[in-house]
Amino acid sequence: MLKLGIIGTHIITDQMLDAAKTTGKYKLTTVYSRTLDRAKEFGQPYGATEFYDDLDRFFSDGDFDVVYVASPNSLHYQQVRKAIENDKFIIVEKPSFANPAEFSAIESLLAAHPKARLVEAARHIHTPLYQKAVEKVGEMKAHHCQGATITVMKYSSRYDKVLADDQPYPNIFTLDFAGGALMDLGVYAVYGAVTLFGEPDTVVYYPTLAKSGVDAKGVAILNYDHFTVTLNFGKTANSYLPSEVYGLKDTLVFDSIFETKQVTYYDADKKAHPLEAPVEKNSMTDEMNDFAALFNNPDDPAEMKKYQHWMDLARTVNSVMYSLRQSASLVFPADNDQE
């Protein structure tokens, strides 16, 4: 049983803990929050017994093997550094880091601490149904793929505070905390494009800015050799559009690119062929199973091969996200390290 510590007491952490319980491979022991009261309030119902409001003591004294980092984006880098320095296994919520400089520095630190392992929680790429879809797109690419449209748009209740000019604005709607639509829902769309088509040749992002200075929604164009992929994402409206990959006469349709429950292939005769694969009720369960397999066998060659693949994907996604922000002149404080 893997002992689990958490940083970040949010809805996404609740979902992760439900998935962890479903796997039967993790036990929550330790919680860090900005206040001890919040740490206890969140962790006690899950059976946690250790609570900290000091991050250094959390890592030095806490009894856990794996740490789940779900803090604001801008805090990931320093918190993951501390975790690696303490030789922990780390699950960091996407997007893992603000820019390639941070990602590169983390990779160097991992090399200096060979017992540590770091995975980014990109849930959809671990599901059997999504993996079948990737295989199907591979077949379509071999027969003149025409590109794709990927949509991830959901209204955020926290945007109400921005509209009301209720300051301070929520972290996800501030540049200081590396927020915005691209760094929240947009990362799912970028992961979709990268897993289905690889790294694009060039990218451009057309954001709609909120009064807080971040991108509240936007459209990104990813250019590949013979086609383009359009990403449509945002936190200021709800979209019910599916995501589609286009062949010549055939089309692959995802109900959702990140909560993938149904994928349908339409052949040249417009006949529907649903892809068949088991789908977990909690979309984070598959990734938590995959991560447990790695953490329980960190030096196994097969697990290390998967681990390297996940790191390669995370690095590419990080680079694409940074290039998209550069194209739109969206600058975070952490980007000063890139100069």
C-alpha atoms as a PDB file:
ATOM      1  CA  MET A   1       0.000   0.000   0.000  1.00  0.00           C
ATOM      2  CA  LEU A   2       1.459   3.338  -1.069  1.00  0.00           C
ATOM      3  CA  LYS A   3       1.327   6.031   1.615  1.00  0.00           C
ATOM      4  CA  LEU A   4      -0.007   9.251   0.124  1.00  0.00           C
ATOM      5  CA  GLY A   5       0.567  12.879   1.051  1.00  0.00           C
ATOM      6  CA  ILE A   6      -1.282  15.777  -0.564  1.00  0.00           C
ATOM      7  CA  ILE A   7      -0.674  19.453  -1.248  1.00  0.00           C
ATOM      8  CA  GLY A   8      -3.853  21.211  -2.307  1.00  0.00           C
ATOM      9  CA  THR A   9      -7.282  20.610  -0.783  1.00  0.00           C
ATOM     10  CA  HIS A  10      -9.639  21.175  -3.706  1.00  0.00           C
ATOM     11  CA  ILE A  11     -12.363  19.407  -5.680  1.00  0.00           C
ATOM     12  CA  ILE A  12      -9.755  17.813  -7.956  1.00  0.00           C
ATOM     13  CA  THR A  13      -8.076  16.350  -4.837  1.00  0.00           C
ATOM     14  CA  ASP A  14     -11.375  14.806  -3.788  1.00  0.00           C
ATOM     15  CA  GLN A  15     -11.652  13.181  -7.214  1.00  0.00           C
ATOM     16  CA  MET A  16      -8.073  11.907  -7.032  1.00  0.00           C
ATOM     17  CA  LEU A  17      -8.644  10.415  -3.573  1.00  0.00           C
ATOM     18  CA  ASP A  18     -11.801   8.677  -4.767  1.00  0.00           C
ATOM     19  CA  ALA A  19      -9.817   7.189  -7.663  1.00  0.00           C
ATOM     20  CA  ALA A  20      -6.968   6.218  -5.326  1.00  0.00           C
ATOM     21  CA  LYS A  21      -9.448   4.419  -3.065  1.00  0.00           C
ATOM     22  CA  THR A  22     -10.950   2.606  -6.057  1.00  0.00           C
ATOM     23  CA  THR A  23      -7.543   1.213  -7.011  1.00  0.00           C
ATOM     24  CA  GLY A  24      -6.964  -0.162  -3.505  1.00  0.00           C
ATOM     25  CA  LYS A  25      -3.285   0.788  -3.831  1.00  0.00           C
ATOM     26  CA  TYR A  26      -3.016   4.012  -1.836  1.00  0.00           C
ATOM     27  CA  LYS A  27      -3.671   5.166   1.724  1.00  0.00           C
ATOM     28  CA  LEU A  28      -3.874   8.875   2.580  1.00  0.00           C
ATOM     29  CA  THR A  29      -1.678   9.597   5.595  1.00  0.00           C
ATOM     30  CA  THR A  30      -0.513  13.205   5.373  1.00  0.00           C
ATOM     31  CA  VAL A  31      -2.043  16.577   4.397  1.00  0.00           C
ATOM     32  CA  TYR A  32      -0.414  19.966   3.892  1.00  0.00           C
ATOM     33  CA  SER A  33      -2.484  23.141   3.761  1.00  0.00           C
ATOM     34  CA  ARG A  34      -1.891  26.787   4.527  1.00  0.00           C
ATOM     35  CA  THR A  35      -3.631  26.285   7.885  1.00  0.00           C
ATOM     36  CA  LEU A  36      -3.744  23.268  10.176  1.00  0.00           C
ATOM     37  CA  ASP A  37      -7.501  23.648  10.559  1.00  0.00           C
ATOM     38  CA  ARG A  38      -8.003  23.332   6.794  1.00  0.00           C
ATOM     39  CA  ALA A  39      -5.609  20.375   6.603  1.00  0.00           C
ATOM     40  CA  LYS A  40      -7.546  18.539   9.336  1.00  0.00           C
ATOM     41  CA  GLU A  41     -10.950  19.513   7.940  1.00  0.00           C
ATOM     42  CA  PHE A  42     -10.040  18.058   4.573  1.00  0.00           C
ATOM     43  CA  GLY A  43      -7.929  15.070   5.584  1.00  0.00           C
ATOM     44  CA  GLN A  44      -9.629  13.552   8.620  1.00  0.00           C
ATOM     45  CA  PRO A  45     -12.707  12.268   6.712  1.00  0.00           C
ATOM     46  CA  TYR A  46     -10.274  10.349   4.475  1.00  0.00           C
ATOM     47  CA  GLY A  47      -8.412   8.820   7.419  1.00  0.00           C
ATOM     48  CA  ALA A  48      -5.316  11.031   7.341  1.00  0.00           C
ATOM     49  CA  THR A  49      -3.449  11.257  10.637  1.00  0.00           C
ATOM     50  CA  GLU A  50      -0.693  13.813   9.922  1.00  0.00           C
ATOM     51  CA  PHE A  51      -1.351  17.491   9.239  1.00  0.00           C
ATOM     52  CA  TYR A  52       1.073  20.308   8.425  1.00  0.00           C
ATOM     53  CA  ASP A  53       1.043  24.009   7.627  1.00  0.00           C
ATOM     54  CA  ASP A  54       4.833  24.072   7.185  1.00  0.00           C
ATOM     55  CA  LEU A  55       6.002  22.636   3.859  1.00  0.00           C
ATOM     56  CA  ASP A  56       9.530  21.808   5.014  1.00  0.00           C
ATOM     57  CA  ARG A  57       8.200  19.829   7.992  1.00  0.00           C
ATOM     58  CA  PHE A  58       5.638  18.156   5.738  1.00  0.00           C
ATOM     59  CA  PHE A  59       8.473  16.704   3.664  1.00  0.00           C
ATOM     60  CA  SER A  60      10.978  16.047   6.453  1.00  0.00           C
ATOM     61  CA  ASP A  61       8.597  14.567   9.033  1.00  0.00           C
ATOM     62  CA  GLY A  62       5.602  13.306   7.052  1.00  0.00           C
ATOM     63  CA  ASP A  63       5.173   9.544   6.655  1.00  0.00           C
ATOM     64  CA  PHE A  64       4.354   9.141   2.953  1.00  0.00           C
ATOM     65  CA  ASP A  65       5.839   7.676  -0.226  1.00  0.00           C
ATOM     66  CA  VAL A  66       3.868   9.603  -2.859  1.00  0.00           C
ATOM     67  CA  VAL A  67       2.948  13.288  -2.876  1.00  0.00           C
ATOM     68  CA  TYR A  68       0.102  14.664  -4.964  1.00  0.00           C
ATOM     69  CA  VAL A  69       0.646  18.340  -5.851  1.00  0.00           C
ATOM     70  CA  ALA A  70      -2.575  20.203  -6.709  1.00  0.00           C
ATOM     71  CA  SER A  71      -1.655  23.724  -5.633  1.00  0.00           C
ATOM     72  CA  PRO A  72      -1.906  26.843  -7.856  1.00  0.00           C
ATOM     73  CA  ASN A  73       0.178  26.450 -11.025  1.00  0.00           C
ATOM     74  CA  SER A  74       2.860  28.954 -10.021  1.00  0.00           C
ATOM     75  CA  LEU A  75       3.669  26.958  -6.857  1.00  0.00           C
ATOM     76  CA  HIS A  76       4.251  23.608  -8.570  1.00  0.00           C
ATOM     77  CA  TYR A  77       7.904  24.219  -9.384  1.00  0.00           C
ATOM     78  CA  GLN A  78       9.179  24.955  -5.867  1.00  0.00           C
ATOM     79  CA  GLN A  79       6.989  22.302  -4.251  1.00  0.00           C
ATOM     80  CA  VAL A  80       8.070  19.627  -6.719  1.00  0.00           C
ATOM     81  CA  ARG A  81      11.704  20.616  -6.149  1.00  0.00           C
ATOM     82  CA  LYS A  82      11.297  19.964  -2.418  1.00  0.00           C
ATOM     83  CA  ALA A  83       9.623  16.633  -3.141  1.00  0.00           C
ATOM     84  CA  ILE A  84      12.454  15.499  -5.421  1.00  0.00           C
ATOM     85  CA  GLU A  85      15.083  16.607  -2.904  1.00  0.00           C
ATOM     86  CA  ASN A  86      13.317  14.336  -0.407  1.00  0.00           C
ATOM     87  CA  ASP A  87      13.314  11.415  -2.886  1.00  0.00           C
ATOM     88  CA  LYS A  88       9.519  11.187  -3.137  1.00  0.00           C
ATOM     89  CA  PHE A  89       7.325   9.839  -5.884  1.00  0.00           C
ATOM     90  CA  ILE A  90       5.373  12.822  -7.230  1.00  0.00           C
ATOM     91  CA  ILE A  91       2.066  13.249  -9.041  1.00  0.00           C
ATOM     92  CA  VAL A  92       1.734  16.874 -10.162  1.00  0.00           C
ATOM     93  CA  GLU A  93      -1.499  18.231 -11.557  1.00  0.00           C
ATOM     94  CA  LYS A  94      -1.368  19.551 -15.065  1.00  0.00           C
ATOM     95  CA  PRO A  95       0.070  21.828 -16.218  1.00  0.00           C
ATOM     96  CA  SER A  96       3.150  20.745 -14.319  1.00  0.00           C
ATOM     97  CA  PHE A  97       5.318  23.849 -14.815  1.00  0.00           C
ATOM     98  CA  ALA A  98       5.070  27.334 -16.264  1.00  0.00           C
ATOM     99  CA  ASN A  99       7.767  27.113 -18.928  1.00  0.00           C
ATOM    100  CA  PRO A 100      10.598  25.010 -20.425  1.00  0.00           C
ATOM    101  CA  ALA A 101      13.202  26.529 -18.088  1.00  0.00           C
ATOM    102  CA  GLU A 102      11.371  25.133 -15.076  1.00  0.00           C
ATOM    103  CA  PHE A 103      10.815  21.788 -16.786  1.00  0.00           C
ATOM    104  CA  SER A 104      14.499  21.489 -17.695  1.00  0.00           C
ATOM    105  CA  ALA A 105      15.605  22.374 -14.169  1.00  0.00           C
ATOM    106  CA  ILE A 106      13.292  19.701 -12.744  1.00  0.00           C
ATOM    107  CA  GLU A 107      14.694  17.084 -15.134  1.00  0.00           C
ATOM    108  CA  SER A 108      18.220  17.958 -14.005  1.00  0.00           C
ATOM    109  CA  LEU A 109      17.168  17.610 -10.378  1.00  0.00           C
ATOM    110  CA  LEU A 110      15.541  14.245 -11.096  1.00  0.00           C
ATOM    111  CA  ALA A 111      18.831  13.049 -12.589  1.00  0.00           C
ATOM    112  CA  ALA A 112      20.555  13.975  -9.325  1.00  0.00           C
ATOM    113  CA  HIS A 113      17.931  12.089  -7.286  1.00  0.00           C
ATOM    114  CA  PRO A 114      17.478   8.752  -9.086  1.00  0.00           C
ATOM    115  CA  LYS A 115      15.049   7.407  -6.465  1.00  0.00           C
ATOM    116  CA  ALA A 116      12.466  10.097  -7.229  1.00  0.00           C
ATOM    117  CA  ARG A 117       9.837   9.774  -9.974  1.00  0.00           C
ATOM    118  CA  LEU A 118       7.636  12.558 -11.366  1.00  0.00           C
ATOM    119  CA  VAL A 119       4.425  12.094 -13.353  1.00  0.00           C
ATOM    120  CA  GLU A 120       1.988  14.682 -14.683  1.00  0.00           C
ATOM    121  CA  ALA A 121      -1.686  13.946 -14.076  1.00  0.00           C
ATOM    122  CA  ALA A 122      -2.949  13.966 -17.658  1.00  0.00           C
ATOM    123  CA  ARG A 123      -5.808  11.603 -16.928  1.00  0.00           C
ATOM    124  CA  HIS A 124      -7.156  10.909 -20.412  1.00  0.00           C
ATOM    125  CA  ILE A 125      -3.994   9.486 -21.935  1.00  0.00           C
ATOM    126  CA  HIS A 126      -4.122   6.571 -19.463  1.00  0.00           C
ATOM    127  CA  THR A 127      -7.626   5.347 -20.314  1.00  0.00           C
ATOM    128  CA  PRO A 128      -8.037   2.281 -22.561  1.00  0.00           C
ATOM    129  CA  LEU A 129     -10.677   4.030 -24.679  1.00  0.00           C
ATOM    130  CA  TYR A 130      -8.454   7.023 -25.387  1.00  0.00           C
ATOM    131  CA  GLN A 131      -5.558   4.729 -26.214  1.00  0.00           C
ATOM    132  CA  LYS A 132      -7.761   2.910 -28.736  1.00  0.00           C
ATOM    133  CA  ALA A 133      -8.615   6.283 -30.244  1.00  0.00           C
ATOM    134  CA  VAL A 134      -4.918   7.101 -30.596  1.00  0.00           C
ATOM    135  CA  GLU A 135      -4.461   3.834 -32.515  1.00  0.00           C
ATOM    136  CA  LYS A 136      -7.389   4.677 -34.789  1.00  0.00           C
ATOM    137  CA  VAL A 137      -5.970   8.125 -35.521  1.00  0.00           C
ATOM    138  CA  GLY A 138      -2.703   6.418 -36.449  1.00  0.00           C
ATOM    139  CA  GLU A 139      -4.600   4.520 -39.123  1.00  0.00           C
ATOM    140  CA  MET A 140      -6.273   7.719 -40.329  1.00  0.00           C
ATOM    141  CA  LYS A 141      -2.939   9.540 -40.526  1.00  0.00           C
ATOM    142  CA  ALA A 142      -1.704   6.823 -42.852  1.00  0.00           C
ATOM    143  CA  HIS A 143      -4.557   7.692 -45.224  1.00  0.00           C
ATOM    144  CA  HIS A 144      -4.285  11.486 -45.570  1.00  0.00           C
ATOM    145  CA  CYS A 145      -5.525  12.897 -42.253  1.00  0.00           C
ATOM    146  CA  GLN A 146      -7.095  16.348 -42.704  1.00  0.00           C
ATOM    147  CA  GLY A 147      -6.631  17.669 -39.175  1.00  0.00           C
ATOM    148  CA  ALA A 148      -8.841  18.077 -36.132  1.00  0.00           C
ATOM    149  CA  THR A 149     -10.950  20.389 -33.992  1.00  0.00           C
ATOM    150  CA  ILE A 150     -10.654  19.986 -30.224  1.00  0.00           C
ATOM    151  CA  THR A 151     -13.016  21.819 -27.872  1.00  0.00           C
ATOM    152  CA  VAL A 152     -12.780  22.059 -24.083  1.00  0.00           C
ATOM    153  CA  MET A 153     -14.948  24.853 -22.677  1.00  0.00           C
ATOM    154  CA  LYS A 154     -16.669  25.083 -19.304  1.00  0.00           C
ATOM    155  CA  TYR A 155     -17.887  28.134 -17.430  1.00  0.00           C
ATOM    156  CA  SER A 156     -16.021  28.686 -14.182  1.00  0.00           C
ATOM    157  CA  SER A 157     -18.016  29.893 -11.193  1.00  0.00           C
ATOM    158  CA  ARG A 158     -14.877  31.751 -10.137  1.00  0.00           C
ATOM    159  CA  TYR A 159     -15.251  33.977 -13.184  1.00  0.00           C
ATOM    160  CA  ASP A 160     -18.198  35.602 -11.402  1.00  0.00           C
ATOM    161  CA  LYS A 161     -15.690  37.357  -9.142  1.00  0.00           C
ATOM    162  CA  VAL A 162     -13.805  38.705 -12.150  1.00  0.00           C
ATOM    163  CA  LEU A 163     -17.001  40.003 -13.734  1.00  0.00           C
ATOM    164  CA  ALA A 164     -17.931  41.688 -10.459  1.00  0.00           C
ATOM    165  CA  ASP A 165     -14.408  43.123 -10.138  1.00  0.00           C
ATOM    166  CA  ASP A 166     -14.247  41.431  -6.743  1.00  0.00           C
ATOM    167  CA  GLN A 167     -10.538  41.597  -5.912  1.00  0.00           C
ATOM    168  CA  PRO A 168      -8.297  39.826  -5.236  1.00  0.00           C
ATOM    169  CA  TYR A 169      -9.211  37.756  -8.266  1.00  0.00           C
ATOM    170  CA  PRO A 170      -9.183  33.941  -7.991  1.00  0.00           C
ATOM    171  CA  ASN A 171      -5.722  32.443  -8.538  1.00  0.00           C
ATOM    172  CA  ILE A 172      -6.702  30.769 -11.816  1.00  0.00           C
ATOM    173  CA  PHE A 173      -7.588  34.177 -13.253  1.00  0.00           C
ATOM    174  CA  THR A 174      -4.271  35.864 -12.409  1.00  0.00           C
ATOM    175  CA  LEU A 175      -0.927  35.981 -14.196  1.00  0.00           C
ATOM    176  CA  ASP A 176       0.925  35.886 -10.854  1.00  0.00           C
ATOM    177  CA  PHE A 177      -0.371  32.361 -10.248  1.00  0.00           C
ATOM    178  CA  ALA A 178       0.206  31.263 -13.880  1.00  0.00           C
ATOM    179  CA  GLY A 179      -3.521  31.151 -14.524  1.00  0.00           C
ATOM    180  CA  GLY A 180      -5.795  31.491 -17.528  1.00  0.00           C
ATOM    181  CA  ALA A 181      -7.793  29.305 -19.870  1.00  0.00           C
ATOM    182  CA  LEU A 182      -4.770  27.832 -21.655  1.00  0.00           C
ATOM    183  CA  MET A 183      -3.144  26.804 -18.380  1.00  0.00           C
ATOM    184  CA  ASP A 184      -6.342  25.223 -17.098  1.00  0.00           C
ATOM    185  CA  LEU A 185      -8.666  23.589 -19.631  1.00  0.00           C
ATOM    186  CA  GLY A 186      -6.415  24.360 -22.587  1.00  0.00           C
ATOM    187  CA  VAL A 187      -3.769  21.912 -21.423  1.00  0.00           C
ATOM    188  CA  TYR A 188      -6.218  19.058 -22.065  1.00  0.00           C
ATOM    189  CA  ALA A 189      -6.617  20.245 -25.645  1.00  0.00           C
ATOM    190  CA  VAL A 190      -2.853  20.544 -26.126  1.00  0.00           C
ATOM    191  CA  TYR A 191      -2.341  17.064 -24.667  1.00  0.00           C
ATOM    192  CA  GLY A 192      -4.987  15.835 -27.106  1.00  0.00           C
ATOM    193  CA  ALA A 193      -3.182  17.296 -30.091  1.00  0.00           C
ATOM    194  CA  VAL A 194       0.260  16.095 -28.991  1.00  0.00           C
ATOM    195  CA  THR A 195      -0.848  12.536 -28.211  1.00  0.00           C
ATOM    196  CA  LEU A 196      -2.775  12.242 -31.473  1.00  0.00           C
ATOM    197  CA  PHE A 197      -0.421  14.072 -33.854  1.00  0.00           C
ATOM    198  CA  GLY A 198       2.898  14.769 -32.149  1.00  0.00           C
ATOM    199  CA  GLU A 199       4.654  18.109 -31.796  1.00  0.00           C
ATOM    200  CA  PRO A 200       3.378  20.793 -34.208  1.00  0.00           C
ATOM    201  CA  ASP A 201       5.693  22.711 -36.540  1.00  0.00           C
ATOM    202  CA  THR A 202       4.360  26.142 -35.545  1.00  0.00           C
ATOM    203  CA  VAL A 203       1.610  27.449 -33.271  1.00  0.00           C
ATOM    204  CA  VAL A 204      -0.373  30.646 -32.731  1.00  0.00           C
ATOM    205  CA  TYR A 205      -2.846  31.599 -30.029  1.00  0.00           C
ATOM    206  CA  TYR A 206      -5.672  34.136 -30.236  1.00  0.00           C
ATOM    207  CA  PRO A 207      -6.852  34.788 -26.665  1.00  0.00           C
ATOM    208  CA  THR A 208      -9.806  36.741 -25.318  1.00  0.00           C
ATOM    209  CA  LEU A 209      -8.480  38.541 -22.264  1.00  0.00           C
ATOM    210  CA  ALA A 210     -10.247  39.018 -18.940  1.00  0.00           C
ATOM    211  CA  LYS A 211      -9.923  42.306 -17.058  1.00  0.00           C
ATOM    212  CA  SER A 212      -7.474  40.523 -14.736  1.00  0.00           C
ATOM    213  CA  GLY A 213      -5.034  40.194 -17.660  1.00  0.00           C
ATOM    214  CA  VAL A 214      -5.245  36.448 -18.260  1.00  0.00           C
ATOM    215  CA  ASP A 215      -6.755  34.655 -21.231  1.00  0.00           C
ATOM    216  CA  ALA A 216     -10.341  33.831 -20.311  1.00  0.00           C
ATOM    217  CA  LYS A 217     -10.914  31.856 -23.492  1.00  0.00           C
ATOM    218  CA  GLY A 218      -9.182  31.480 -26.822  1.00  0.00           C
ATOM    219  CA  VAL A 219      -8.525  29.700 -30.088  1.00  0.00           C
ATOM    220  CA  ALA A 220      -5.168  28.111 -30.899  1.00  0.00           C
ATOM    221  CA  ILE A 221      -3.972  26.941 -34.301  1.00  0.00           C
ATOM    222  CA  LEU A 222      -1.374  24.166 -34.426  1.00  0.00           C
ATOM    223  CA  ASN A 223       0.266  23.747 -37.809  1.00  0.00           C
ATOM    224  CA  TYR A 224       1.499  20.339 -38.937  1.00  0.00           C
ATOM    225  CA  ASP A 225       3.087  19.264 -42.212  1.00  0.00           C
ATOM    226  CA  HIS A 226      -0.111  18.649 -44.194  1.00  0.00           C
ATOM    227  CA  PHE A 227      -2.900  19.876 -41.913  1.00  0.00           C
ATOM    228  CA  THR A 228      -3.842  22.115 -38.990  1.00  0.00           C
ATOM    229  CA  VAL A 229      -5.451  21.389 -35.633  1.00  0.00           C
ATOM    230  CA  THR A 230      -7.767  23.967 -34.068  1.00  0.00           C
ATOM    231  CA  LEU A 231      -8.079  24.134 -30.286  1.00  0.00           C
ATOM    232  CA  ASN A 232     -11.076  25.931 -28.799  1.00  0.00           C
ATOM    233  CA  PHE A 233     -11.089  26.305 -25.017  1.00  0.00           C
ATOM    234  CA  GLY A 234     -12.255  28.643 -22.303  1.00  0.00           C
ATOM    235  CA  LYS A 235     -13.616  29.263 -18.825  1.00  0.00           C
ATOM    236  CA  THR A 236     -16.242  31.932 -19.622  1.00  0.00           C
ATOM    237  CA  ALA A 237     -18.807  29.842 -21.509  1.00  0.00           C
ATOM    238  CA  ASN A 238     -20.106  26.294 -21.795  1.00  0.00           C
ATOM    239  CA  SER A 239     -19.633  24.269 -24.967  1.00  0.00           C
ATOM    240  CA  TYR A 240     -21.310  20.974 -25.762  1.00  0.00           C
ATOM    241  CA  LEU A 241     -19.387  20.383 -28.987  1.00  0.00           C
ATOM    242  CA  PRO A 242     -17.540  17.095 -29.430  1.00  0.00           C
ATOM    243  CA  SER A 243     -13.947  16.943 -30.643  1.00  0.00           C
ATOM    244  CA  GLU A 244     -13.275  15.541 -34.118  1.00  0.00           C
ATOM    245  CA  VAL A 245     -10.400  14.129 -36.162  1.00  0.00           C
ATOM    246  CA  TYR A 246     -10.891  14.338 -39.918  1.00  0.00           C
ATOM    247  CA  GLY A 247      -9.797  11.817 -42.526  1.00  0.00           C
ATOM    248  CA  LEU A 248     -10.679  12.174 -46.209  1.00  0.00           C
ATOM    249  CA  LYS A 249     -14.198  10.800 -45.941  1.00  0.00           C
ATOM    250  CA  ASP A 250     -14.024   9.344 -42.452  1.00  0.00           C
ATOM    251  CA  THR A 251     -14.198  11.065 -39.058  1.00  0.00           C
ATOM    252  CA  LEU A 252     -13.394  10.113 -35.477  1.00  0.00           C
ATOM    253  CA  VAL A 253     -15.623  11.796 -32.874  1.00  0.00           C
ATOM    254  CA  PHE A 254     -14.827  12.156 -29.148  1.00  0.00           C
ATOM    255  CA  ASP A 255     -17.621  13.063 -26.759  1.00  0.00           C
ATOM    256  CA  SER A 256     -14.891  14.753 -24.691  1.00  0.00           C
ATOM    257  CA  ILE A 257     -11.157  14.943 -25.209  1.00  0.00           C
ATOM    258  CA  PHE A 258     -10.413  14.589 -21.464  1.00  0.00           C
ATOM    259  CA  GLU A 259     -13.503  12.947 -19.908  1.00  0.00           C
ATOM    260  CA  THR A 260     -13.642  10.447 -22.749  1.00  0.00           C
ATOM    261  CA  LYS A 261     -16.628   8.145 -22.337  1.00  0.00           C
ATOM    262  CA  GLN A 262     -17.492   7.520 -25.993  1.00  0.00           C
ATOM    263  CA  VAL A 263     -15.513   7.572 -29.240  1.00  0.00           C
ATOM    264  CA  THR A 264     -17.182   6.842 -32.576  1.00  0.00           C
ATOM    265  CA  TYR A 265     -15.552   6.201 -35.928  1.00  0.00           C
ATOM    266  CA  TYR A 266     -17.614   7.180 -38.979  1.00  0.00           C
ATOM    267  CA  ASP A 267     -16.415   5.403 -42.107  1.00  0.00           C
ATOM    268  CA  ALA A 268     -16.517   6.676 -45.700  1.00  0.00           C
ATOM    269  CA  ASP A 269     -20.122   5.463 -46.001  1.00  0.00           C
ATOM    270  CA  LYS A 270     -21.057   7.477 -42.889  1.00  0.00           C
ATOM    271  CA  LYS A 271     -21.648   4.313 -40.878  1.00  0.00           C
ATOM    272  CA  ALA A 272     -20.954   4.641 -37.148  1.00  0.00           C
ATOM    273  CA  HIS A 273     -18.542   2.258 -35.412  1.00  0.00           C
ATOM    274  CA  PRO A 274     -18.245   2.895 -31.634  1.00  0.00           C
ATOM    275  CA  LEU A 275     -14.822   2.051 -30.230  1.00  0.00           C
ATOM    276  CA  GLU A 276     -15.072  -0.535 -27.453  1.00  0.00           C
ATOM    277  CA  ALA A 277     -13.052  -0.335 -24.249  1.00  0.00           C
ATOM    278  CA  PRO A 278     -13.793  -0.380 -20.505  1.00  0.00           C
ATOM    279  CA  VAL A 279     -14.530   3.053 -19.013  1.00  0.00           C
ATOM    280  CA  GLU A 280     -14.090   3.750 -15.310  1.00  0.00           C
ATOM    281  CA  LYS A 281     -16.700   5.824 -13.482  1.00  0.00           C
ATOM    282  CA  ASN A 282     -13.922   8.093 -12.173  1.00  0.00           C
ATOM    283  CA  SER A 283     -11.745   9.214 -15.084  1.00  0.00           C
ATOM    284  CA  MET A 284      -8.680   9.455 -12.811  1.00  0.00           C
ATOM    285  CA  THR A 285      -8.733   5.773 -11.834  1.00  0.00           C
ATOM    286  CA  ASP A 286      -6.700   4.510 -14.808  1.00  0.00           C
ATOM    287  CA  GLU A 287      -3.888   6.995 -14.255  1.00  0.00           C
ATOM    288  CA  MET A 288      -3.760   6.219 -10.537  1.00  0.00           C
ATOM    289  CA  ASN A 289      -3.423   2.516 -11.389  1.00  0.00           C
ATOM    290  CA  ASP A 290      -0.659   3.285 -13.900  1.00  0.00           C
ATOM    291  CA  PHE A 291       1.193   5.486 -11.425  1.00  0.00           C
ATOM    292  CA  ALA A 292       0.954   2.832  -8.695  1.00  0.00           C
ATOM    293  CA  ALA A 293       2.492   0.270 -11.036  1.00  0.00           C
ATOM    294  CA  LEU A 294       5.444   2.614 -11.596  1.00  0.00           C
ATOM    295  CA  PHE A 295       5.863   3.596  -7.947  1.00  0.00           C
ATOM    296  CA  ASN A 296       5.738  -0.024  -6.776  1.00  0.00           C
ATOM    297  CA  ASN A 297       8.285  -1.091  -9.412  1.00  0.00           C
ATOM    298  CA  PRO A 298      10.305   2.085 -10.096  1.00  0.00           C
ATOM    299  CA  ASP A 299      13.240   0.329 -11.752  1.00  0.00           C
ATOM    300  CA  ASP A 300      11.329  -2.225 -13.818  1.00  0.00           C
ATOM    301  CA  PRO A 301      12.335  -1.780 -17.501  1.00  0.00           C
ATOM    302  CA  ALA A 302       8.740  -1.930 -18.761  1.00  0.00           C
ATOM    303  CA  GLU A 303       7.606   0.654 -16.214  1.00  0.00           C
ATOM    304  CA  MET A 304      10.584   2.875 -16.974  1.00  0.00           C
ATOM    305  CA  LYS A 305       9.710   2.781 -20.674  1.00  0.00           C
ATOM    306  CA  LYS A 306       6.204   4.037 -19.879  1.00  0.00           C
ATOM    307  CA  TYR A 307       7.651   6.617 -17.505  1.00  0.00           C
ATOM    308  CA  GLN A 308       9.978   8.005 -20.167  1.00  0.00           C
ATOM    309  CA  HIS A 309       7.078   8.194 -22.620  1.00  0.00           C
ATOM    310  CA  TRP A 310       5.017  10.195 -20.120  1.00  0.00           C
ATOM    311  CA  MET A 311       7.949  12.529 -19.470  1.00  0.00           C
ATOM    312  CA  ASP A 312       8.496  13.038 -23.197  1.00  0.00           C
ATOM    313  CA  LEU A 313       4.819  13.932 -23.655  1.00  0.00           C
ATOM    314  CA  ALA A 314       4.862  16.300 -20.674  1.00  0.00           C
ATOM    315  CA  ARG A 315       7.979  18.048 -21.991  1.00  0.00           C
ATOM    316  CA  THR A 316       6.455  18.521 -25.450  1.00  0.00           C
ATOM    317  CA  VAL A 317       3.171  19.800 -24.006  1.00  0.00           C
ATOM    318  CA  ASN A 318       5.088  22.233 -21.802  1.00  0.00           C
ATOM    319  CA  SER A 319       7.005  23.540 -24.829  1.00  0.00           C
ATOM    320  CA  VAL A 320       3.863  23.929 -26.955  1.00  0.00           C
ATOM    321  CA  MET A 321       2.026  25.733 -24.155  1.00  0.00           C
ATOM    322  CA  TYR A 322       4.920  28.159 -23.731  1.00  0.00           C
ATOM    323  CA  SER A 323       5.081  28.830 -27.469  1.00  0.00           C
ATOM    324  CA  LEU A 324       1.338  29.505 -27.510  1.00  0.00           C
ATOM    325  CA  ARG A 325       1.701  32.025 -24.684  1.00  0.00           C
ATOM    326  CA  GLN A 326       4.634  33.672 -26.418  1.00  0.00           C
ATOM    327  CA  SER A 327       2.589  34.115 -29.580  1.00  0.00           C
ATOM    328  CA  ALA A 328      -0.076  35.943 -27.554  1.00  0.00           C
ATOM    329  CA  SER A 329       2.363  37.924 -25.346  1.00  0.00           C
ATOM    330  CA  LEU A 330       1.034  36.299 -22.183  1.00  0.00           C
ATOM    331  CA  VAL A 331       3.845  36.575 -19.624  1.00  0.00           C
ATOM    332  CA  PHE A 332       4.098  34.993 -16.162  1.00  0.00           C
ATOM    333  CA  PRO A 333       6.559  36.120 -13.460  1.00  0.00           C
ATOM    334  CA  ALA A 334       8.356  32.765 -13.816  1.00  0.00           C
ATOM    335  CA  ASP A 335       9.137  33.567 -17.439  1.00  0.00           C
ATOM    336  CA  ASN A 336      11.812  36.010 -16.315  1.00  0.00           C
ATOM    337  CA  ASP A 337      14.007  32.941 -15.818  1.00  0.00           C
ATOM    338  CA  GLN A 338      13.738  32.290 -19.548  1.00  0.00           C
ATOM    339  CA  GLU A 339      15.503  35.498 -20.445  1.00  0.00           C
END
